[in-house]
Amino acid sequence: MKTRIEEFLELWGSDLWEATLQTFQMVGIALGISVLIGLPLGILLVLTRPEKALANKYVYQILNAIINIIRSVPFIILLFFILPFTKLIVGTSIGVKGVIVPLVVYTAPYIARLMETALLEVDRGVLEAYEAMGIKTRHIIWHVLVRESRSSIILGLTIATIGLIGASAMAGLVGGGGLGDLAYRYGHLRYEVDVMYITVILLIILVQGLQSLGNSLASRLKKD
């Protein structure tokens, strides 16, 4: 005689597996693109501040304002607001493909702000020492700024990834796929409470695992 767990896995196992893979796909792709956008933006925010190497108050103020505006909009509102833009870029506004654009728009400014905070923690005396030796700004960026703040950067990316997982789950409201979509379509709309509980548990395990991994890696980098 089958147990309740065996019956559940037989009925929902393939759907849960597919939804989990879709969540990893959404988070992985969106995070990769967001880092490629957010890290340079964070560096630019630091370098264009007053008294920095590329000080430019107009560039800094414009970037600062854009990032603040985007970050002030809740993801669910942003998701619907940029639907036409999403459809223009990827040709659809549903499924995994359809939520990558809003996830990137939501996450990249957040990462930029986290990177700015991490980079500003670098000891000013260290930067001045390298500048006094005549080392070019581009070398200082990668060999001093990024290297000295890598532990904080890892922690920042961990926080951003966890936020991204939450946003990807919310994307289920527009048929974005993943665990959020499964929980919404079956757990909420069809009152399959077991599906809701399992998706919540899977998301908790995923978040806890990522946080532990991020903390461990950041701690190791800080000691090096």
C-alpha atoms as a PDB file:
ATOM      1  CA  MET A   1       0.000   0.000   0.000  1.00  0.00           C
ATOM      2  CA  LYS A   2       1.385   3.384  -1.034  1.00  0.00           C
ATOM      3  CA  THR A   3       2.155   6.034   1.549  1.00  0.00           C
ATOM      4  CA  ARG A   4       0.838   9.579   1.267  1.00  0.00           C
ATOM      5  CA  ILE A   5       4.295  10.822   0.253  1.00  0.00           C
ATOM      6  CA  GLU A   6       4.602   8.198  -2.496  1.00  0.00           C
ATOM      7  CA  GLU A   7       1.159   9.092  -3.824  1.00  0.00           C
ATOM      8  CA  PHE A   8       2.043  12.778  -3.790  1.00  0.00           C
ATOM      9  CA  LEU A   9       5.344  12.249  -5.624  1.00  0.00           C
ATOM     10  CA  GLU A  10       3.662  10.011  -8.187  1.00  0.00           C
ATOM     11  CA  LEU A  11       1.038  12.667  -8.842  1.00  0.00           C
ATOM     12  CA  TRP A  12       3.151  15.839  -8.600  1.00  0.00           C
ATOM     13  CA  GLY A  13       6.785  14.688  -8.830  1.00  0.00           C
ATOM     14  CA  SER A  14       7.323  15.549 -12.499  1.00  0.00           C
ATOM     15  CA  ASP A  15       5.584  18.937 -12.129  1.00  0.00           C
ATOM     16  CA  LEU A  16       7.675  19.818  -9.075  1.00  0.00           C
ATOM     17  CA  TRP A  17      10.884  18.809 -10.836  1.00  0.00           C
ATOM     18  CA  GLU A  18      10.025  20.865 -13.912  1.00  0.00           C
ATOM     19  CA  ALA A  19       9.017  23.879 -11.804  1.00  0.00           C
ATOM     20  CA  THR A  20      12.249  23.654  -9.788  1.00  0.00           C
ATOM     21  CA  LEU A  21      14.338  23.546 -12.969  1.00  0.00           C
ATOM     22  CA  GLN A  22      12.432  26.548 -14.328  1.00  0.00           C
ATOM     23  CA  THR A  23      13.142  28.471 -11.107  1.00  0.00           C
ATOM     24  CA  PHE A  24      16.860  27.683 -11.395  1.00  0.00           C
ATOM     25  CA  GLN A  25      16.770  28.712 -15.060  1.00  0.00           C
ATOM     26  CA  MET A  26      15.037  32.034 -14.363  1.00  0.00           C
ATOM     27  CA  VAL A  27      17.261  32.897 -11.412  1.00  0.00           C
ATOM     28  CA  GLY A  28      20.484  31.793 -13.136  1.00  0.00           C
ATOM     29  CA  ILE A  29      19.913  33.698 -16.379  1.00  0.00           C
ATOM     30  CA  ALA A  30      18.525  36.829 -14.710  1.00  0.00           C
ATOM     31  CA  LEU A  31      21.313  36.883 -12.117  1.00  0.00           C
ATOM     32  CA  GLY A  32      24.033  36.503 -14.752  1.00  0.00           C
ATOM     33  CA  ILE A  33      22.690  39.379 -16.849  1.00  0.00           C
ATOM     34  CA  SER A  34      22.016  41.513 -13.760  1.00  0.00           C
ATOM     35  CA  VAL A  35      25.613  41.097 -12.537  1.00  0.00           C
ATOM     36  CA  LEU A  36      26.946  42.094 -15.964  1.00  0.00           C
ATOM     37  CA  ILE A  37      24.873  45.271 -15.716  1.00  0.00           C
ATOM     38  CA  GLY A  38      24.896  45.912 -11.972  1.00  0.00           C
ATOM     39  CA  LEU A  39      28.618  45.512 -11.228  1.00  0.00           C
ATOM     40  CA  PRO A  40      29.762  48.113 -13.810  1.00  0.00           C
ATOM     41  CA  LEU A  41      26.969  50.431 -12.657  1.00  0.00           C
ATOM     42  CA  GLY A  42      28.097  50.042  -9.044  1.00  0.00           C
ATOM     43  CA  ILE A  43      31.685  50.820 -10.032  1.00  0.00           C
ATOM     44  CA  LEU A  44      30.519  53.848 -12.024  1.00  0.00           C
ATOM     45  CA  LEU A  45      28.482  55.093  -9.057  1.00  0.00           C
ATOM     46  CA  VAL A  46      31.624  54.958  -6.904  1.00  0.00           C
ATOM     47  CA  LEU A  47      34.025  56.503  -9.425  1.00  0.00           C
ATOM     48  CA  THR A  48      31.723  59.399 -10.396  1.00  0.00           C
ATOM     49  CA  ARG A  49      31.081  60.482  -6.826  1.00  0.00           C
ATOM     50  CA  PRO A  50      32.605  63.809  -5.724  1.00  0.00           C
ATOM     51  CA  GLU A  51      36.378  63.607  -5.113  1.00  0.00           C
ATOM     52  CA  LYS A  52      36.671  60.233  -6.863  1.00  0.00           C
ATOM     53  CA  ALA A  53      38.808  59.367  -9.904  1.00  0.00           C
ATOM     54  CA  LEU A  54      36.068  60.054 -12.486  1.00  0.00           C
ATOM     55  CA  ALA A  55      34.080  62.589 -10.465  1.00  0.00           C
ATOM     56  CA  ASN A  56      31.101  63.820 -12.475  1.00  0.00           C
ATOM     57  CA  LYS A  57      28.124  65.059 -10.497  1.00  0.00           C
ATOM     58  CA  TYR A  58      25.747  64.962 -13.481  1.00  0.00           C
ATOM     59  CA  VAL A  59      26.453  61.325 -14.346  1.00  0.00           C
ATOM     60  CA  TYR A  60      26.309  60.347 -10.687  1.00  0.00           C
ATOM     61  CA  GLN A  61      23.050  62.185 -10.012  1.00  0.00           C
ATOM     62  CA  ILE A  62      21.356  60.754 -13.106  1.00  0.00           C
ATOM     63  CA  LEU A  63      22.436  57.175 -12.339  1.00  0.00           C
ATOM     64  CA  ASN A  64      21.548  57.595  -8.677  1.00  0.00           C
ATOM     65  CA  ALA A  65      18.058  58.910  -9.541  1.00  0.00           C
ATOM     66  CA  ILE A  66      17.324  56.138 -12.085  1.00  0.00           C
ATOM     67  CA  ILE A  67      18.390  53.411  -9.660  1.00  0.00           C
ATOM     68  CA  ASN A  68      16.338  54.916  -6.825  1.00  0.00           C
ATOM     69  CA  ILE A  69      13.242  55.203  -9.023  1.00  0.00           C
ATOM     70  CA  ILE A  70      13.413  51.600 -10.251  1.00  0.00           C
ATOM     71  CA  ARG A  71      14.131  50.257  -6.764  1.00  0.00           C
ATOM     72  CA  SER A  72      11.145  52.127  -5.336  1.00  0.00           C
ATOM     73  CA  VAL A  73       8.689  50.268  -7.607  1.00  0.00           C
ATOM     74  CA  PRO A  74       7.418  46.934  -6.168  1.00  0.00           C
ATOM     75  CA  PHE A  75       8.262  44.007  -8.444  1.00  0.00           C
ATOM     76  CA  ILE A  76       4.652  42.995  -9.087  1.00  0.00           C
ATOM     77  CA  ILE A  77       3.850  46.514 -10.347  1.00  0.00           C
ATOM     78  CA  LEU A  78       7.055  46.665 -12.394  1.00  0.00           C
ATOM     79  CA  LEU A  79       6.201  43.280 -13.884  1.00  0.00           C
ATOM     80  CA  PHE A  80       2.911  44.529 -15.323  1.00  0.00           C
ATOM     81  CA  PHE A  81       4.183  48.033 -16.111  1.00  0.00           C
ATOM     82  CA  ILE A  82       6.908  46.873 -18.507  1.00  0.00           C
ATOM     83  CA  LEU A  83       4.907  44.079 -20.195  1.00  0.00           C
ATOM     84  CA  PRO A  84       4.951  45.914 -23.573  1.00  0.00           C
ATOM     85  CA  PHE A  85       8.728  46.428 -23.286  1.00  0.00           C
ATOM     86  CA  THR A  86       9.207  42.772 -22.356  1.00  0.00           C
ATOM     87  CA  LYS A  87       7.182  41.629 -25.354  1.00  0.00           C
ATOM     88  CA  LEU A  88       9.196  43.955 -27.605  1.00  0.00           C
ATOM     89  CA  ILE A  89      12.521  42.544 -26.379  1.00  0.00           C
ATOM     90  CA  VAL A  90      11.806  38.795 -26.197  1.00  0.00           C
ATOM     91  CA  GLY A  91       8.586  38.454 -28.178  1.00  0.00           C
ATOM     92  CA  THR A  92       6.474  37.187 -25.269  1.00  0.00           C
ATOM     93  CA  SER A  93       5.391  38.214 -21.784  1.00  0.00           C
ATOM     94  CA  ILE A  94       4.676  34.748 -20.358  1.00  0.00           C
ATOM     95  CA  GLY A  95       6.742  31.707 -19.455  1.00  0.00           C
ATOM     96  CA  VAL A  96      10.342  31.633 -18.335  1.00  0.00           C
ATOM     97  CA  LYS A  97      11.432  33.681 -21.329  1.00  0.00           C
ATOM     98  CA  GLY A  98       8.835  36.345 -20.603  1.00  0.00           C
ATOM     99  CA  VAL A  99       9.977  37.088 -17.036  1.00  0.00           C
ATOM    100  CA  ILE A 100      13.722  37.381 -17.634  1.00  0.00           C
ATOM    101  CA  VAL A 101      13.470  41.047 -18.716  1.00  0.00           C
ATOM    102  CA  PRO A 102      11.464  42.266 -15.678  1.00  0.00           C
ATOM    103  CA  LEU A 103      13.670  40.206 -13.355  1.00  0.00           C
ATOM    104  CA  VAL A 104      16.780  41.859 -14.789  1.00  0.00           C
ATOM    105  CA  VAL A 105      15.238  45.344 -14.663  1.00  0.00           C
ATOM    106  CA  TYR A 106      14.309  44.707 -11.035  1.00  0.00           C
ATOM    107  CA  THR A 107      17.586  43.098  -9.926  1.00  0.00           C
ATOM    108  CA  ALA A 108      20.328  45.004 -11.803  1.00  0.00           C
ATOM    109  CA  PRO A 109      19.764  48.342  -9.972  1.00  0.00           C
ATOM    110  CA  TYR A 110      19.614  46.478  -6.659  1.00  0.00           C
ATOM    111  CA  ILE A 111      22.941  44.793  -7.393  1.00  0.00           C
ATOM    112  CA  ALA A 112      24.402  48.147  -8.479  1.00  0.00           C
ATOM    113  CA  ARG A 113      23.504  49.652  -5.115  1.00  0.00           C
ATOM    114  CA  LEU A 114      24.872  46.663  -3.218  1.00  0.00           C
ATOM    115  CA  MET A 115      28.104  46.825  -5.240  1.00  0.00           C
ATOM    116  CA  GLU A 116      28.408  50.544  -4.551  1.00  0.00           C
ATOM    117  CA  THR A 117      28.093  49.913  -0.819  1.00  0.00           C
ATOM    118  CA  ALA A 118      30.652  47.092  -0.919  1.00  0.00           C
ATOM    119  CA  LEU A 119      33.188  49.097  -2.928  1.00  0.00           C
ATOM    120  CA  LEU A 120      32.865  52.141  -0.670  1.00  0.00           C
ATOM    121  CA  GLU A 121      34.008  49.974   2.254  1.00  0.00           C
ATOM    122  CA  VAL A 122      37.505  49.690   0.774  1.00  0.00           C
ATOM    123  CA  ASP A 123      40.048  51.558   2.916  1.00  0.00           C
ATOM    124  CA  ARG A 124      40.670  55.001   1.448  1.00  0.00           C
ATOM    125  CA  GLY A 125      44.334  54.787   2.499  1.00  0.00           C
ATOM    126  CA  VAL A 126      44.851  51.694   0.330  1.00  0.00           C
ATOM    127  CA  LEU A 127      43.387  53.463  -2.690  1.00  0.00           C
ATOM    128  CA  GLU A 128      45.507  56.572  -2.123  1.00  0.00           C
ATOM    129  CA  ALA A 129      48.660  54.445  -1.893  1.00  0.00           C
ATOM    130  CA  TYR A 130      47.998  52.859  -5.283  1.00  0.00           C
ATOM    131  CA  GLU A 131      47.016  56.200  -6.820  1.00  0.00           C
ATOM    132  CA  ALA A 132      50.261  57.745  -5.520  1.00  0.00           C
ATOM    133  CA  MET A 133      52.204  55.033  -7.361  1.00  0.00           C
ATOM    134  CA  GLY A 134      50.631  56.215 -10.608  1.00  0.00           C
ATOM    135  CA  ILE A 135      48.651  53.044 -11.251  1.00  0.00           C
ATOM    136  CA  LYS A 136      45.907  53.549 -13.819  1.00  0.00           C
ATOM    137  CA  THR A 137      42.280  53.738 -12.687  1.00  0.00           C
ATOM    138  CA  ARG A 138      41.217  50.624 -14.627  1.00  0.00           C
ATOM    139  CA  HIS A 139      43.853  48.560 -12.836  1.00  0.00           C
ATOM    140  CA  ILE A 140      42.857  49.993  -9.460  1.00  0.00           C
ATOM    141  CA  ILE A 141      39.228  49.038 -10.143  1.00  0.00           C
ATOM    142  CA  TRP A 142      39.901  45.336 -10.674  1.00  0.00           C
ATOM    143  CA  HIS A 143      43.036  44.746  -8.596  1.00  0.00           C
ATOM    144  CA  VAL A 144      42.168  46.922  -5.604  1.00  0.00           C
ATOM    145  CA  LEU A 145      38.497  47.919  -5.412  1.00  0.00           C
ATOM    146  CA  VAL A 146      36.994  44.606  -6.500  1.00  0.00           C
ATOM    147  CA  ARG A 147      39.633  42.433  -4.850  1.00  0.00           C
ATOM    148  CA  GLU A 148      39.505  44.216  -1.473  1.00  0.00           C
ATOM    149  CA  SER A 149      35.707  44.165  -1.370  1.00  0.00           C
ATOM    150  CA  ARG A 150      35.103  40.664  -2.803  1.00  0.00           C
ATOM    151  CA  SER A 151      33.820  39.305   0.517  1.00  0.00           C
ATOM    152  CA  SER A 152      31.209  42.071   0.728  1.00  0.00           C
ATOM    153  CA  ILE A 153      30.420  41.601  -2.964  1.00  0.00           C
ATOM    154  CA  ILE A 154      29.683  37.900  -2.406  1.00  0.00           C
ATOM    155  CA  LEU A 155      27.389  38.724   0.518  1.00  0.00           C
ATOM    156  CA  GLY A 156      25.660  41.365  -1.600  1.00  0.00           C
ATOM    157  CA  LEU A 157      25.157  38.933  -4.480  1.00  0.00           C
ATOM    158  CA  THR A 158      23.776  36.376  -2.039  1.00  0.00           C
ATOM    159  CA  ILE A 159      21.192  38.875  -0.825  1.00  0.00           C
ATOM    160  CA  ALA A 160      20.357  39.819  -4.422  1.00  0.00           C
ATOM    161  CA  THR A 161      19.961  36.156  -5.417  1.00  0.00           C
ATOM    162  CA  ILE A 162      17.564  35.489  -2.549  1.00  0.00           C
ATOM    163  CA  GLY A 163      15.544  38.553  -3.550  1.00  0.00           C
ATOM    164  CA  LEU A 164      15.569  37.271  -7.123  1.00  0.00           C
ATOM    165  CA  ILE A 165      14.176  33.910  -6.014  1.00  0.00           C
ATOM    166  CA  GLY A 166      11.307  35.728  -4.289  1.00  0.00           C
ATOM    167  CA  ALA A 167      10.660  37.817  -7.393  1.00  0.00           C
ATOM    168  CA  SER A 168      10.720  34.732  -9.639  1.00  0.00           C
ATOM    169  CA  ALA A 169       8.098  33.107  -7.405  1.00  0.00           C
ATOM    170  CA  MET A 170       5.953  36.245  -7.696  1.00  0.00           C
ATOM    171  CA  ALA A 171       6.266  36.040 -11.491  1.00  0.00           C
ATOM    172  CA  GLY A 172       4.020  32.979 -11.293  1.00  0.00           C
ATOM    173  CA  LEU A 173       1.071  35.380 -11.160  1.00  0.00           C
ATOM    174  CA  VAL A 174       1.554  36.078 -14.873  1.00  0.00           C
ATOM    175  CA  GLY A 175       2.332  32.510 -15.854  1.00  0.00           C
ATOM    176  CA  GLY A 176       6.074  32.939 -15.507  1.00  0.00           C
ATOM    177  CA  GLY A 177       6.694  29.305 -14.686  1.00  0.00           C
ATOM    178  CA  GLY A 178       8.718  27.937 -11.795  1.00  0.00           C
ATOM    179  CA  LEU A 179       7.692  27.087  -8.253  1.00  0.00           C
ATOM    180  CA  GLY A 180       5.683  30.296  -7.860  1.00  0.00           C
ATOM    181  CA  ASP A 181       3.570  29.458 -10.891  1.00  0.00           C
ATOM    182  CA  LEU A 182       2.968  25.923  -9.637  1.00  0.00           C
ATOM    183  CA  ALA A 183       1.978  27.167  -6.179  1.00  0.00           C
ATOM    184  CA  TYR A 184      -0.371  29.766  -7.643  1.00  0.00           C
ATOM    185  CA  ARG A 185      -2.075  27.607 -10.288  1.00  0.00           C
ATOM    186  CA  TYR A 186      -2.538  24.496  -8.181  1.00  0.00           C
ATOM    187  CA  GLY A 187      -1.937  25.439  -4.571  1.00  0.00           C
ATOM    188  CA  HIS A 188      -4.059  28.602  -4.655  1.00  0.00           C
ATOM    189  CA  LEU A 189      -6.482  28.422  -7.574  1.00  0.00           C
ATOM    190  CA  ARG A 190      -7.240  24.697  -7.249  1.00  0.00           C
ATOM    191  CA  TYR A 191      -6.886  24.453  -3.469  1.00  0.00           C
ATOM    192  CA  GLU A 192      -4.174  21.764  -3.609  1.00  0.00           C
ATOM    193  CA  VAL A 193      -2.721  22.734  -0.235  1.00  0.00           C
ATOM    194  CA  ASP A 194      -0.087  19.967  -0.325  1.00  0.00           C
ATOM    195  CA  VAL A 195       1.413  21.554  -3.444  1.00  0.00           C
ATOM    196  CA  MET A 196       1.498  24.932  -1.701  1.00  0.00           C
ATOM    197  CA  TYR A 197       3.261  23.506   1.353  1.00  0.00           C
ATOM    198  CA  ILE A 198       5.847  21.609  -0.676  1.00  0.00           C
ATOM    199  CA  THR A 199       6.720  24.605  -2.879  1.00  0.00           C
ATOM    200  CA  VAL A 200       7.145  26.781   0.214  1.00  0.00           C
ATOM    201  CA  ILE A 201       9.412  24.149   1.804  1.00  0.00           C
ATOM    202  CA  LEU A 202      11.482  23.863  -1.393  1.00  0.00           C
ATOM    203  CA  LEU A 203      11.890  27.657  -1.551  1.00  0.00           C
ATOM    204  CA  ILE A 204      12.946  27.771   2.119  1.00  0.00           C
ATOM    205  CA  ILE A 205      15.522  25.016   1.550  1.00  0.00           C
ATOM    206  CA  LEU A 206      16.822  26.819  -1.554  1.00  0.00           C
ATOM    207  CA  VAL A 207      17.156  30.162   0.253  1.00  0.00           C
ATOM    208  CA  GLN A 208      18.801  28.624   3.328  1.00  0.00           C
ATOM    209  CA  GLY A 209      21.252  26.700   1.163  1.00  0.00           C
ATOM    210  CA  LEU A 210      22.217  29.786  -0.838  1.00  0.00           C
ATOM    211  CA  GLN A 211      22.623  31.915   2.284  1.00  0.00           C
ATOM    212  CA  SER A 212      24.856  29.322   3.931  1.00  0.00           C
ATOM    213  CA  LEU A 213      26.935  28.961   0.770  1.00  0.00           C
ATOM    214  CA  GLY A 214      27.276  32.736   0.404  1.00  0.00           C
ATOM    215  CA  ASN A 215      28.278  33.181   4.063  1.00  0.00           C
ATOM    216  CA  SER A 216      30.852  30.393   3.809  1.00  0.00           C
ATOM    217  CA  LEU A 217      32.404  31.728   0.601  1.00  0.00           C
ATOM    218  CA  ALA A 218      32.482  35.308   1.897  1.00  0.00           C
ATOM    219  CA  SER A 219      34.144  34.179   5.127  1.00  0.00           C
ATOM    220  CA  ARG A 220      36.773  32.229   3.192  1.00  0.00           C
ATOM    221  CA  LEU A 221      37.541  35.178   0.880  1.00  0.00           C
ATOM    222  CA  LYS A 222      37.834  37.527   3.856  1.00  0.00           C
ATOM    223  CA  LYS A 223      40.580  35.358   5.349  1.00  0.00           C
ATOM    224  CA  ASP A 224      42.610  35.221   2.112  1.00  0.00           C
END
